[in-house]
Amino acid sequence: MGRALPFLIVLVVTLYALIDCLSSERGDIRGLPRPVWVLVILLVPVVGPVAWFFAGRPVSLEQRAGVVAGGRPRKKVTAPDDDPDFLRGIDTAQSRKDAELLRRWEEDLKRREDDNPGA
């Protein structure tokens, strides 16, 4: 069993790397195309899977939040109430019409109260 343990560890890591490579989205794989990664994982016993985990595996969500592979900053997705463009767009013609309608309702209510002071 002692002699087989290193072989089993290499086999398990290789299978895990192969399955991870094959199940990753095509656009998320870094470095090389998927068929080349499969060949590297299968043909280079220990180095292939290790290379996949460090250089080919898709970037985690935590890493994506900062910088994408290649050094380009990634555009951060924000909620609508945090998006400056969305907040600027709220003050539209419709919201101005709504404000004008509310102002007229308030004037009408005040006029009615003035016309019927004892009611």
PDB file of N, CA and C in Angstrom:
ATOM      1  N   MET A   1       0.821  -1.197   0.000  1.00  0.00           N
ATOM      2  CA  MET A   1       0.000   0.000   0.000  1.00  0.00           C
ATOM      3  C   MET A   1       0.861   1.253   0.000  1.00  0.00           C
ATOM      4  N   GLY A   2       1.989   1.247   0.675  1.00  0.00           N
ATOM      5  CA  GLY A   2       2.871   2.410   0.760  1.00  0.00           C
ATOM      6  C   GLY A   2       3.427   2.819  -0.593  1.00  0.00           C
ATOM      7  N   ARG A   3       3.703   1.835  -1.441  1.00  0.00           N
ATOM      8  CA  ARG A   3       4.230   2.149  -2.767  1.00  0.00           C
ATOM      9  C   ARG A   3       3.151   2.677  -3.689  1.00  0.00           C
ATOM     10  N   ALA A   4       1.929   2.258  -3.477  1.00  0.00           N
ATOM     11  CA  ALA A   4       0.830   2.649  -4.354  1.00  0.00           C
ATOM     12  C   ALA A   4       0.285   4.037  -4.006  1.00  0.00           C
ATOM     13  N   LEU A   5       0.525   4.513  -2.798  1.00  0.00           N
ATOM     14  CA  LEU A   5      -0.042   5.784  -2.360  1.00  0.00           C
ATOM     15  C   LEU A   5       0.377   6.966  -3.246  1.00  0.00           C
ATOM     16  N   PRO A   6       1.671   7.158  -3.554  1.00  0.00           N
ATOM     17  CA  PRO A   6       2.028   8.275  -4.451  1.00  0.00           C
ATOM     18  C   PRO A   6       1.362   8.159  -5.817  1.00  0.00           C
ATOM     19  N   PHE A   7       1.295   6.938  -6.357  1.00  0.00           N
ATOM     20  CA  PHE A   7       0.637   6.722  -7.648  1.00  0.00           C
ATOM     21  C   PHE A   7      -0.844   7.090  -7.569  1.00  0.00           C
ATOM     22  N   LEU A   8      -1.516   6.699  -6.481  1.00  0.00           N
ATOM     23  CA  LEU A   8      -2.936   7.019  -6.321  1.00  0.00           C
ATOM     24  C   LEU A   8      -3.156   8.518  -6.175  1.00  0.00           C
ATOM     25  N   ILE A   9      -2.262   9.177  -5.450  1.00  0.00           N
ATOM     26  CA  ILE A   9      -2.393  10.631  -5.292  1.00  0.00           C
ATOM     27  C   ILE A   9      -2.259  11.334  -6.637  1.00  0.00           C
ATOM     28  N   VAL A  10      -1.252  10.935  -7.423  1.00  0.00           N
ATOM     29  CA  VAL A  10      -1.059  11.525  -8.748  1.00  0.00           C
ATOM     30  C   VAL A  10      -2.260  11.219  -9.636  1.00  0.00           C
ATOM     31  N   LEU A  11      -2.791  10.013  -9.566  1.00  0.00           N
ATOM     32  CA  LEU A  11      -3.946   9.628 -10.375  1.00  0.00           C
ATOM     33  C   LEU A  11      -5.179  10.456 -10.006  1.00  0.00           C
ATOM     34  N   VAL A  12      -5.425  10.618  -8.713  1.00  0.00           N
ATOM     35  CA  VAL A  12      -6.591  11.386  -8.260  1.00  0.00           C
ATOM     36  C   VAL A  12      -6.459  12.849  -8.668  1.00  0.00           C
ATOM     37  N   VAL A  13      -5.279  13.427  -8.471  1.00  0.00           N
ATOM     38  CA  VAL A  13      -5.079  14.834  -8.842  1.00  0.00           C
ATOM     39  C   VAL A  13      -5.216  15.001 -10.352  1.00  0.00           C
ATOM     40  N   THR A  14      -4.696  14.064 -11.125  1.00  0.00           N
ATOM     41  CA  THR A  14      -4.805  14.135 -12.581  1.00  0.00           C
ATOM     42  C   THR A  14      -6.256  14.036 -13.019  1.00  0.00           C
ATOM     43  N   LEU A  15      -6.999  13.100 -12.451  1.00  0.00           N
ATOM     44  CA  LEU A  15      -8.420  12.960 -12.800  1.00  0.00           C
ATOM     45  C   LEU A  15      -9.212  14.199 -12.405  1.00  0.00           C
ATOM     46  N   TYR A  16      -8.921  14.745 -11.233  1.00  0.00           N
ATOM     47  CA  TYR A  16      -9.623  15.948 -10.796  1.00  0.00           C
ATOM     48  C   TYR A  16      -9.337  17.114 -11.743  1.00  0.00           C
ATOM     49  N   ALA A  17      -8.069  17.284 -12.127  1.00  0.00           N
ATOM     50  CA  ALA A  17      -7.691  18.355 -13.050  1.00  0.00           C
ATOM     51  C   ALA A  17      -8.349  18.154 -14.407  1.00  0.00           C
ATOM     52  N   LEU A  18      -8.400  16.916 -14.878  1.00  0.00           N
ATOM     53  CA  LEU A  18      -9.013  16.622 -16.168  1.00  0.00           C
ATOM     54  C   LEU A  18     -10.514  16.920 -16.152  1.00  0.00           C
ATOM     55  N   ILE A  19     -11.189  16.487 -15.118  1.00  0.00           N
ATOM     56  CA  ILE A  19     -12.631  16.735 -15.005  1.00  0.00           C
ATOM     57  C   ILE A  19     -12.889  18.233 -14.853  1.00  0.00           C
ATOM     58  N   ASP A  20     -12.073  18.908 -14.067  1.00  0.00           N
ATOM     59  CA  ASP A  20     -12.222  20.354 -13.892  1.00  0.00           C
ATOM     60  C   ASP A  20     -12.015  21.085 -15.211  1.00  0.00           C
ATOM     61  N   CYS A  21     -11.031  20.662 -15.973  1.00  0.00           N
ATOM     62  CA  CYS A  21     -10.755  21.275 -17.267  1.00  0.00           C
ATOM     63  C   CYS A  21     -11.920  21.060 -18.235  1.00  0.00           C
ATOM     64  N   LEU A  22     -12.412  19.838 -18.294  1.00  0.00           N
ATOM     65  CA  LEU A  22     -13.485  19.518 -19.232  1.00  0.00           C
ATOM     66  C   LEU A  22     -14.817  20.156 -18.841  1.00  0.00           C
ATOM     67  N   SER A  23     -15.021  20.430 -17.568  1.00  0.00           N
ATOM     68  CA  SER A  23     -16.296  21.008 -17.140  1.00  0.00           C
ATOM     69  C   SER A  23     -16.263  22.531 -17.044  1.00  0.00           C
ATOM     70  N   SER A  24     -15.109  23.141 -17.273  1.00  0.00           N
ATOM     71  CA  SER A  24     -15.014  24.607 -17.224  1.00  0.00           C
ATOM     72  C   SER A  24     -15.578  25.203 -18.507  1.00  0.00           C
ATOM     73  N   GLU A  25     -16.128  26.407 -18.368  1.00  0.00           N
ATOM     74  CA  GLU A  25     -16.634  27.113 -19.539  1.00  0.00           C
ATOM     75  C   GLU A  25     -15.474  27.457 -20.464  1.00  0.00           C
ATOM     76  N   ARG A  26     -15.702  27.355 -21.742  1.00  0.00           N
ATOM     77  CA  ARG A  26     -14.647  27.561 -22.727  1.00  0.00           C
ATOM     78  C   ARG A  26     -14.007  28.943 -22.606  1.00  0.00           C
ATOM     79  N   GLY A  27     -14.808  29.970 -22.440  1.00  0.00           N
ATOM     80  CA  GLY A  27     -14.276  31.324 -22.371  1.00  0.00           C
ATOM     81  C   GLY A  27     -13.550  31.646 -21.080  1.00  0.00           C
ATOM     82  N   ASP A  28     -13.740  30.828 -20.048  1.00  0.00           N
ATOM     83  CA  ASP A  28     -13.116  31.102 -18.754  1.00  0.00           C
ATOM     84  C   ASP A  28     -11.732  30.486 -18.610  1.00  0.00           C
ATOM     85  N   ILE A  29     -11.392  29.529 -19.463  1.00  0.00           N
ATOM     86  CA  ILE A  29     -10.093  28.842 -19.365  1.00  0.00           C
ATOM     87  C   ILE A  29      -8.987  29.811 -19.765  1.00  0.00           C
ATOM     88  N   ARG A  30      -7.951  29.860 -18.944  1.00  0.00           N
ATOM     89  CA  ARG A  30      -6.852  30.794 -19.190  1.00  0.00           C
ATOM     90  C   ARG A  30      -5.678  30.090 -19.871  1.00  0.00           C
ATOM     91  N   GLY A  31      -4.867  30.872 -20.529  1.00  0.00           N
ATOM     92  CA  GLY A  31      -3.597  30.384 -21.054  1.00  0.00           C
ATOM     93  C   GLY A  31      -3.679  29.689 -22.395  1.00  0.00           C
ATOM     94  N   LEU A  32      -4.109  28.456 -22.391  1.00  0.00           N
ATOM     95  CA  LEU A  32      -4.123  27.633 -23.598  1.00  0.00           C
ATOM     96  C   LEU A  32      -5.552  27.192 -23.916  1.00  0.00           C
ATOM     97  N   PRO A  33      -5.781  26.751 -25.147  1.00  0.00           N
ATOM     98  CA  PRO A  33      -7.104  26.205 -25.472  1.00  0.00           C
ATOM     99  C   PRO A  33      -7.347  24.891 -24.712  1.00  0.00           C
ATOM    100  N   ARG A  34      -8.601  24.540 -24.533  1.00  0.00           N
ATOM    101  CA  ARG A  34      -8.955  23.341 -23.771  1.00  0.00           C
ATOM    102  C   ARG A  34      -8.282  22.063 -24.282  1.00  0.00           C
ATOM    103  N   PRO A  35      -8.269  21.775 -25.596  1.00  0.00           N
ATOM    104  CA  PRO A  35      -7.619  20.527 -26.040  1.00  0.00           C
ATOM    105  C   PRO A  35      -6.137  20.452 -25.660  1.00  0.00           C
ATOM    106  N   VAL A  36      -5.464  21.590 -25.685  1.00  0.00           N
ATOM    107  CA  VAL A  36      -4.046  21.606 -25.314  1.00  0.00           C
ATOM    108  C   VAL A  36      -3.912  21.336 -23.816  1.00  0.00           C
ATOM    109  N   TRP A  37      -4.794  21.924 -23.004  1.00  0.00           N
ATOM    110  CA  TRP A  37      -4.749  21.660 -21.557  1.00  0.00           C
ATOM    111  C   TRP A  37      -4.997  20.191 -21.264  1.00  0.00           C
ATOM    112  N   VAL A  38      -5.939  19.577 -21.974  1.00  0.00           N
ATOM    113  CA  VAL A  38      -6.219  18.146 -21.757  1.00  0.00           C
ATOM    114  C   VAL A  38      -4.969  17.324 -22.054  1.00  0.00           C
ATOM    115  N   LEU A  39      -4.290  17.634 -23.162  1.00  0.00           N
ATOM    116  CA  LEU A  39      -3.061  16.910 -23.500  1.00  0.00           C
ATOM    117  C   LEU A  39      -1.969  17.135 -22.451  1.00  0.00           C
ATOM    118  N   VAL A  40      -1.820  18.375 -21.990  1.00  0.00           N
ATOM    119  CA  VAL A  40      -0.797  18.669 -20.976  1.00  0.00           C
ATOM    120  C   VAL A  40      -1.102  17.906 -19.692  1.00  0.00           C
ATOM    121  N   ILE A  41      -2.363  17.906 -19.275  1.00  0.00           N
ATOM    122  CA  ILE A  41      -2.745  17.213 -18.040  1.00  0.00           C
ATOM    123  C   ILE A  41      -2.484  15.718 -18.149  1.00  0.00           C
ATOM    124  N   LEU A  42      -2.802  15.137 -19.297  1.00  0.00           N
ATOM    125  CA  LEU A  42      -2.663  13.689 -19.458  1.00  0.00           C
ATOM    126  C   LEU A  42      -1.229  13.237 -19.746  1.00  0.00           C
ATOM    127  N   LEU A  43      -0.463  14.039 -20.477  1.00  0.00           N
ATOM    128  CA  LEU A  43       0.846  13.587 -20.934  1.00  0.00           C
ATOM    129  C   LEU A  43       2.011  14.009 -20.031  1.00  0.00           C
ATOM    130  N   VAL A  44       1.814  15.011 -19.190  1.00  0.00           N
ATOM    131  CA  VAL A  44       2.880  15.455 -18.293  1.00  0.00           C
ATOM    132  C   VAL A  44       2.410  15.156 -16.869  1.00  0.00           C
ATOM    133  N   PRO A  45       2.838  13.991 -16.304  1.00  0.00           N
ATOM    134  CA  PRO A  45       2.229  13.450 -15.088  1.00  0.00           C
ATOM    135  C   PRO A  45       1.997  14.404 -13.919  1.00  0.00           C
ATOM    136  N   VAL A  46       2.958  14.950 -13.294  1.00  0.00           N
ATOM    137  CA  VAL A  46       2.718  15.761 -12.103  1.00  0.00           C
ATOM    138  C   VAL A  46       2.610  17.236 -12.469  1.00  0.00           C
ATOM    139  N   VAL A  47       3.420  17.670 -13.395  1.00  0.00           N
ATOM    140  CA  VAL A  47       3.487  19.082 -13.760  1.00  0.00           C
ATOM    141  C   VAL A  47       2.218  19.542 -14.489  1.00  0.00           C
ATOM    142  N   GLY A  48       1.631  18.684 -15.308  1.00  0.00           N
ATOM    143  CA  GLY A  48       0.436  19.047 -16.069  1.00  0.00           C
ATOM    144  C   GLY A  48      -0.731  19.465 -15.189  1.00  0.00           C
ATOM    145  N   PRO A  49      -1.154  18.615 -14.241  1.00  0.00           N
ATOM    146  CA  PRO A  49      -2.254  19.030 -13.362  1.00  0.00           C
ATOM    147  C   PRO A  49      -1.930  20.257 -12.513  1.00  0.00           C
ATOM    148  N   VAL A  50      -0.685  20.329 -12.029  1.00  0.00           N
ATOM    149  CA  VAL A  50      -0.302  21.492 -11.223  1.00  0.00           C
ATOM    150  C   VAL A  50      -0.355  22.758 -12.091  1.00  0.00           C
ATOM    151  N   ALA A  51       0.114  22.665 -13.333  1.00  0.00           N
ATOM    152  CA  ALA A  51       0.058  23.811 -14.242  1.00  0.00           C
ATOM    153  C   ALA A  51      -1.389  24.220 -14.499  1.00  0.00           C
ATOM    154  N   TRP A  52      -2.280  23.241 -14.640  1.00  0.00           N
ATOM    155  CA  TRP A  52      -3.695  23.552 -14.852  1.00  0.00           C
ATOM    156  C   TRP A  52      -4.253  24.356 -13.674  1.00  0.00           C
ATOM    157  N   PHE A  53      -3.957  23.916 -12.454  1.00  0.00           N
ATOM    158  CA  PHE A  53      -4.511  24.585 -11.286  1.00  0.00           C
ATOM    159  C   PHE A  53      -3.978  26.009 -11.121  1.00  0.00           C
ATOM    160  N   PHE A  54      -2.735  26.252 -11.531  1.00  0.00           N
ATOM    161  CA  PHE A  54      -2.157  27.577 -11.335  1.00  0.00           C
ATOM    162  C   PHE A  54      -2.258  28.476 -12.550  1.00  0.00           C
ATOM    163  N   ALA A  55      -2.288  27.931 -13.760  1.00  0.00           N
ATOM    164  CA  ALA A  55      -2.234  28.777 -14.950  1.00  0.00           C
ATOM    165  C   ALA A  55      -3.434  28.642 -15.879  1.00  0.00           C
ATOM    166  N   GLY A  56      -4.204  27.582 -15.759  1.00  0.00           N
ATOM    167  CA  GLY A  56      -5.282  27.388 -16.718  1.00  0.00           C
ATOM    168  C   GLY A  56      -6.672  27.450 -16.143  1.00  0.00           C
ATOM    169  N   ARG A  57      -6.783  27.121 -14.886  1.00  0.00           N
ATOM    170  CA  ARG A  57      -8.095  27.050 -14.246  1.00  0.00           C
ATOM    171  C   ARG A  57      -8.784  28.407 -14.272  1.00  0.00           C
ATOM    172  N   PRO A  58     -10.103  28.416 -14.448  1.00  0.00           N
ATOM    173  CA  PRO A  58     -10.828  29.697 -14.448  1.00  0.00           C
ATOM    174  C   PRO A  58     -10.597  30.468 -13.153  1.00  0.00           C
ATOM    175  N   VAL A  59     -10.612  31.768 -13.270  1.00  0.00           N
ATOM    176  CA  VAL A  59     -10.378  32.648 -12.131  1.00  0.00           C
ATOM    177  C   VAL A  59     -11.583  32.585 -11.205  1.00  0.00           C
ATOM    178  N   SER A  60     -11.332  32.582  -9.901  1.00  0.00           N
ATOM    179  CA  SER A  60     -12.421  32.527  -8.933  1.00  0.00           C
ATOM    180  C   SER A  60     -13.183  33.845  -8.913  1.00  0.00           C
ATOM    181  N   LEU A  61     -14.362  33.831  -8.330  1.00  0.00           N
ATOM    182  CA  LEU A  61     -15.183  35.040  -8.263  1.00  0.00           C
ATOM    183  C   LEU A  61     -14.498  36.151  -7.484  1.00  0.00           C
ATOM    184  N   GLU A  62     -13.757  35.787  -6.440  1.00  0.00           N
ATOM    185  CA  GLU A  62     -13.055  36.791  -5.661  1.00  0.00           C
ATOM    186  C   GLU A  62     -11.999  37.493  -6.510  1.00  0.00           C
ATOM    187  N   GLN A  63     -11.289  36.718  -7.323  1.00  0.00           N
ATOM    188  CA  GLN A  63     -10.263  37.307  -8.162  1.00  0.00           C
ATOM    189  C   GLN A  63     -10.886  38.120  -9.291  1.00  0.00           C
ATOM    190  N   ARG A  64     -12.049  37.689  -9.793  1.00  0.00           N
ATOM    191  CA  ARG A  64     -12.713  38.421 -10.866  1.00  0.00           C
ATOM    192  C   ARG A  64     -13.175  39.787 -10.415  1.00  0.00           C
ATOM    193  N   ALA A  65     -13.484  39.923  -9.151  1.00  0.00           N
ATOM    194  CA  ALA A  65     -13.967  41.208  -8.651  1.00  0.00           C
ATOM    195  C   ALA A  65     -12.916  42.291  -8.817  1.00  0.00           C
ATOM    196  N   GLY A  66     -11.655  41.896  -8.814  1.00  0.00           N
ATOM    197  CA  GLY A  66     -10.585  42.884  -8.933  1.00  0.00           C
ATOM    198  C   GLY A  66     -10.123  43.089 -10.354  1.00  0.00           C
ATOM    199  N   VAL A  67      -9.314  42.166 -10.849  1.00  0.00           N
ATOM    200  CA  VAL A  67      -8.698  42.325 -12.165  1.00  0.00           C
ATOM    201  C   VAL A  67      -8.834  41.026 -12.929  1.00  0.00           C
ATOM    202  N   VAL A  68      -9.145  41.127 -14.214  1.00  0.00           N
ATOM    203  CA  VAL A  68      -9.247  39.964 -15.081  1.00  0.00           C
ATOM    204  C   VAL A  68      -7.850  39.585 -15.546  1.00  0.00           C
ATOM    205  N   ALA A  69      -7.665  38.328 -15.952  1.00  0.00           N
ATOM    206  CA  ALA A  69      -6.372  37.896 -16.464  1.00  0.00           C
ATOM    207  C   ALA A  69      -5.953  38.821 -17.603  1.00  0.00           C
ATOM    208  N   GLY A  70      -4.767  39.275 -17.578  1.00  0.00           N
ATOM    209  CA  GLY A  70      -4.289  40.205 -18.582  1.00  0.00           C
ATOM    210  C   GLY A  70      -4.126  41.608 -18.016  1.00  0.00           C
ATOM    211  N   GLY A  71      -4.561  41.827 -16.784  1.00  0.00           N
ATOM    212  CA  GLY A  71      -4.350  43.100 -16.133  1.00  0.00           C
ATOM    213  C   GLY A  71      -5.404  44.157 -16.399  1.00  0.00           C
ATOM    214  N   ARG A  72      -6.441  43.840 -17.181  1.00  0.00           N
ATOM    215  CA  ARG A  72      -7.476  44.836 -17.442  1.00  0.00           C
ATOM    216  C   ARG A  72      -8.453  44.876 -16.270  1.00  0.00           C
ATOM    217  N   PRO A  73      -8.782  46.070 -15.782  1.00  0.00           N
ATOM    218  CA  PRO A  73      -9.769  46.131 -14.708  1.00  0.00           C
ATOM    219  C   PRO A  73     -11.137  45.723 -15.225  1.00  0.00           C
ATOM    220  N   ARG A  74     -11.846  44.980 -14.437  1.00  0.00           N
ATOM    221  CA  ARG A  74     -13.160  44.499 -14.828  1.00  0.00           C
ATOM    222  C   ARG A  74     -14.214  45.505 -14.399  1.00  0.00           C
ATOM    223  N   LYS A  75     -15.207  45.728 -15.271  1.00  0.00           N
ATOM    224  CA  LYS A  75     -16.299  46.632 -14.928  1.00  0.00           C
ATOM    225  C   LYS A  75     -17.143  45.967 -13.855  1.00  0.00           C
ATOM    226  N   LYS A  76     -17.256  46.635 -12.733  1.00  0.00           N
ATOM    227  CA  LYS A  76     -17.986  46.087 -11.605  1.00  0.00           C
ATOM    228  C   LYS A  76     -19.488  46.245 -11.831  1.00  0.00           C
ATOM    229  N   VAL A  77     -20.227  45.182 -11.625  1.00  0.00           N
ATOM    230  CA  VAL A  77     -21.669  45.226 -11.749  1.00  0.00           C
ATOM    231  C   VAL A  77     -22.231  45.786 -10.453  1.00  0.00           C
ATOM    232  N   THR A  78     -23.082  46.798 -10.570  1.00  0.00           N
ATOM    233  CA  THR A  78     -23.635  47.427  -9.379  1.00  0.00           C
ATOM    234  C   THR A  78     -25.151  47.313  -9.383  1.00  0.00           C
ATOM    235  N   ALA A  79     -25.713  47.409  -8.221  1.00  0.00           N
ATOM    236  CA  ALA A  79     -27.163  47.433  -8.085  1.00  0.00           C
ATOM    237  C   ALA A  79     -27.680  48.755  -8.641  1.00  0.00           C
ATOM    238  N   PRO A  80     -28.933  48.795  -9.095  1.00  0.00           N
ATOM    239  CA  PRO A  80     -29.442  50.036  -9.692  1.00  0.00           C
ATOM    240  C   PRO A  80     -29.340  51.243  -8.766  1.00  0.00           C
ATOM    241  N   ASP A  81     -29.555  51.054  -7.475  1.00  0.00           N
ATOM    242  CA  ASP A  81     -29.496  52.211  -6.583  1.00  0.00           C
ATOM    243  C   ASP A  81     -28.070  52.671  -6.308  1.00  0.00           C
ATOM    244  N   ASP A  82     -27.062  51.924  -6.758  1.00  0.00           N
ATOM    245  CA  ASP A  82     -25.666  52.325  -6.632  1.00  0.00           C
ATOM    246  C   ASP A  82     -25.068  52.760  -7.964  1.00  0.00           C
ATOM    247  N   ASP A  83     -25.825  52.628  -9.035  1.00  0.00           N
ATOM    248  CA  ASP A  83     -25.327  52.935 -10.373  1.00  0.00           C
ATOM    249  C   ASP A  83     -25.557  54.414 -10.687  1.00  0.00           C
ATOM    250  N   PRO A  84     -24.485  55.208 -10.845  1.00  0.00           N
ATOM    251  CA  PRO A  84     -24.659  56.644 -11.095  1.00  0.00           C
ATOM    252  C   PRO A  84     -25.456  56.930 -12.368  1.00  0.00           C
ATOM    253  N   ASP A  85     -25.250  56.134 -13.417  1.00  0.00           N
ATOM    254  CA  ASP A  85     -25.999  56.354 -14.651  1.00  0.00           C
ATOM    255  C   ASP A  85     -27.493  56.153 -14.435  1.00  0.00           C
ATOM    256  N   PHE A  86     -27.846  55.133 -13.678  1.00  0.00           N
ATOM    257  CA  PHE A  86     -29.249  54.869 -13.380  1.00  0.00           C
ATOM    258  C   PHE A  86     -29.839  56.010 -12.554  1.00  0.00           C
ATOM    259  N   LEU A  87     -29.095  56.446 -11.560  1.00  0.00           N
ATOM    260  CA  LEU A  87     -29.596  57.516 -10.692  1.00  0.00           C
ATOM    261  C   LEU A  87     -29.772  58.818 -11.463  1.00  0.00           C
ATOM    262  N   ARG A  88     -28.877  59.092 -12.417  1.00  0.00           N
ATOM    263  CA  ARG A  88     -29.027  60.281 -13.242  1.00  0.00           C
ATOM    264  C   ARG A  88     -30.269  60.180 -14.121  1.00  0.00           C
ATOM    265  N   GLY A  89     -30.576  58.968 -14.569  1.00  0.00           N
ATOM    266  CA  GLY A  89     -31.717  58.763 -15.459  1.00  0.00           C
ATOM    267  C   GLY A  89     -33.063  58.807 -14.756  1.00  0.00           C
ATOM    268  N   ILE A  90     -33.064  58.790 -13.434  1.00  0.00           N
ATOM    269  CA  ILE A  90     -34.335  58.808 -12.712  1.00  0.00           C
ATOM    270  C   ILE A  90     -35.057  60.130 -12.930  1.00  0.00           C
ATOM    271  N   ASP A  91     -34.320  61.227 -12.966  1.00  0.00           N
ATOM    272  CA  ASP A  91     -34.941  62.535 -13.160  1.00  0.00           C
ATOM    273  C   ASP A  91     -35.273  62.711 -14.636  1.00  0.00           C
ATOM    274  N   THR A  92     -36.334  62.089 -15.064  1.00  0.00           N
ATOM    275  CA  THR A  92     -36.761  62.141 -16.452  1.00  0.00           C
ATOM    276  C   THR A  92     -37.969  63.043 -16.595  1.00  0.00           C
ATOM    277  N   ALA A  93     -38.444  63.166 -17.800  1.00  0.00           N
ATOM    278  CA  ALA A  93     -39.630  63.975 -18.063  1.00  0.00           C
ATOM    279  C   ALA A  93     -40.830  63.421 -17.304  1.00  0.00           C
ATOM    280  N   GLN A  94     -40.934  62.111 -17.211  1.00  0.00           N
ATOM    281  CA  GLN A  94     -42.071  61.511 -16.506  1.00  0.00           C
ATOM    282  C   GLN A  94     -42.050  61.883 -15.030  1.00  0.00           C
ATOM    283  N   SER A  95     -40.876  61.870 -14.408  1.00  0.00           N
ATOM    284  CA  SER A  95     -40.820  62.228 -12.992  1.00  0.00           C
ATOM    285  C   SER A  95     -41.156  63.699 -12.796  1.00  0.00           C
ATOM    286  N   ARG A  96     -40.776  64.556 -13.756  1.00  0.00           N
ATOM    287  CA  ARG A  96     -41.155  65.969 -13.671  1.00  0.00           C
ATOM    288  C   ARG A  96     -42.656  66.145 -13.841  1.00  0.00           C
ATOM    289  N   LYS A  97     -43.265  65.346 -14.736  1.00  0.00           N
ATOM    290  CA  LYS A  97     -44.721  65.396 -14.897  1.00  0.00           C
ATOM    291  C   LYS A  97     -45.410  64.951 -13.609  1.00  0.00           C
ATOM    292  N   ASP A  98     -44.864  63.896 -12.989  1.00  0.00           N
ATOM    293  CA  ASP A  98     -45.446  63.412 -11.738  1.00  0.00           C
ATOM    294  C   ASP A  98     -45.346  64.473 -10.648  1.00  0.00           C
ATOM    295  N   ALA A  99     -44.228  65.193 -10.589  1.00  0.00           N
ATOM    296  CA  ALA A  99     -44.058  66.249  -9.590  1.00  0.00           C
ATOM    297  C   ALA A  99     -45.044  67.384  -9.842  1.00  0.00           C
ATOM    298  N   GLU A 100     -45.265  67.733 -11.095  1.00  0.00           N
ATOM    299  CA  GLU A 100     -46.230  68.778 -11.436  1.00  0.00           C
ATOM    300  C   GLU A 100     -47.647  68.356 -11.066  1.00  0.00           C
ATOM    301  N   LEU A 101     -47.995  67.107 -11.332  1.00  0.00           N
ATOM    302  CA  LEU A 101     -49.317  66.596 -10.969  1.00  0.00           C
ATOM    303  C   LEU A 101     -49.510  66.630  -9.455  1.00  0.00           C
ATOM    304  N   LEU A 102     -48.505  66.230  -8.702  1.00  0.00           N
ATOM    305  CA  LEU A 102     -48.585  66.262  -7.245  1.00  0.00           C
ATOM    306  C   LEU A 102     -48.745  67.701  -6.743  1.00  0.00           C
ATOM    307  N   ARG A 103     -48.034  68.636  -7.341  1.00  0.00           N
ATOM    308  CA  ARG A 103     -48.146  70.044  -6.957  1.00  0.00           C
ATOM    309  C   ARG A 103     -49.563  70.549  -7.199  1.00  0.00           C
ATOM    310  N   ARG A 104     -50.159  70.192  -8.372  1.00  0.00           N
ATOM    311  CA  ARG A 104     -51.531  70.618  -8.659  1.00  0.00           C
ATOM    312  C   ARG A 104     -52.526  69.997  -7.685  1.00  0.00           C
ATOM    313  N   TRP A 105     -52.326  68.746  -7.308  1.00  0.00           N
ATOM    314  CA  TRP A 105     -53.226  68.100  -6.338  1.00  0.00           C
ATOM    315  C   TRP A 105     -53.156  68.814  -4.984  1.00  0.00           C
ATOM    316  N   GLU A 106     -51.926  69.158  -4.576  1.00  0.00           N
ATOM    317  CA  GLU A 106     -51.769  69.865  -3.308  1.00  0.00           C
ATOM    318  C   GLU A 106     -52.455  71.226  -3.348  1.00  0.00           C
ATOM    319  N   GLU A 107     -52.313  71.960  -4.478  1.00  0.00           N
ATOM    320  CA  GLU A 107     -52.985  73.252  -4.610  1.00  0.00           C
ATOM    321  C   GLU A 107     -54.501  73.083  -4.562  1.00  0.00           C
ATOM    322  N   ASP A 108     -55.025  72.065  -5.234  1.00  0.00           N
ATOM    323  CA  ASP A 108     -56.461  71.802  -5.247  1.00  0.00           C
ATOM    324  C   ASP A 108     -56.957  71.469  -3.840  1.00  0.00           C
ATOM    325  N   LEU A 109     -56.198  70.661  -3.117  1.00  0.00           N
ATOM    326  CA  LEU A 109     -56.578  70.300  -1.756  1.00  0.00           C
ATOM    327  C   LEU A 109     -56.569  71.534  -0.845  1.00  0.00           C
ATOM    328  N   LYS A 110     -55.561  72.371  -0.998  1.00  0.00           N
ATOM    329  CA  LYS A 110     -55.476  73.584  -0.184  1.00  0.00           C
ATOM    330  C   LYS A 110     -56.640  74.526  -0.502  1.00  0.00           C
ATOM    331  N   ARG A 111     -56.967  74.665  -1.800  1.00  0.00           N
ATOM    332  CA  ARG A 111     -58.087  75.504  -2.211  1.00  0.00           C
ATOM    333  C   ARG A 111     -59.396  74.994  -1.620  1.00  0.00           C
ATOM    334  N   ARG A 112     -59.598  73.674  -1.635  1.00  0.00           N
ATOM    335  CA  ARG A 112     -60.813  73.089  -1.080  1.00  0.00           C
ATOM    336  C   ARG A 112     -60.893  73.348   0.433  1.00  0.00           C
ATOM    337  N   GLU A 113     -59.771  73.259   1.114  1.00  0.00           N
ATOM    338  CA  GLU A 113     -59.753  73.522   2.546  1.00  0.00           C
ATOM    339  C   GLU A 113     -60.067  74.989   2.830  1.00  0.00           C
ATOM    340  N   ASP A 114     -59.569  75.874   1.963  1.00  0.00           N
ATOM    341  CA  ASP A 114     -59.833  77.300   2.129  1.00  0.00           C
ATOM    342  C   ASP A 114     -61.306  77.627   1.846  1.00  0.00           C
ATOM    343  N   ASP A 115     -61.926  76.928   0.871  1.00  0.00           N
ATOM    344  CA  ASP A 115     -63.329  77.154   0.513  1.00  0.00           C
ATOM    345  C   ASP A 115     -64.274  76.639   1.586  1.00  0.00           C
ATOM    346  N   ASN A 116     -63.917  75.583   2.267  1.00  0.00           N
ATOM    347  CA  ASN A 116     -64.752  74.974   3.301  1.00  0.00           C
ATOM    348  C   ASN A 116     -63.997  74.948   4.631  1.00  0.00           C
ATOM    349  N   PRO A 117     -63.861  76.087   5.292  1.00  0.00           N
ATOM    350  CA  PRO A 117     -63.071  76.125   6.522  1.00  0.00           C
ATOM    351  C   PRO A 117     -63.721  75.343   7.673  1.00  0.00           C
ATOM    352  N   GLY A 118     -65.025  75.268   7.737  1.00  0.00           N
ATOM    353  CA  GLY A 118     -65.670  74.583   8.852  1.00  0.00           C
ATOM    354  C   GLY A 118     -65.963  73.121   8.596  1.00  0.00           C
ATOM    355  N   ALA A 119     -65.702  72.623   7.414  1.00  0.00           N
ATOM    356  CA  ALA A 119     -66.088  71.254   7.091  1.00  0.00           C
ATOM    357  C   ALA A 119     -65.165  70.243   7.664  1.00  0.00           C
TER     358      ALA A 119
END
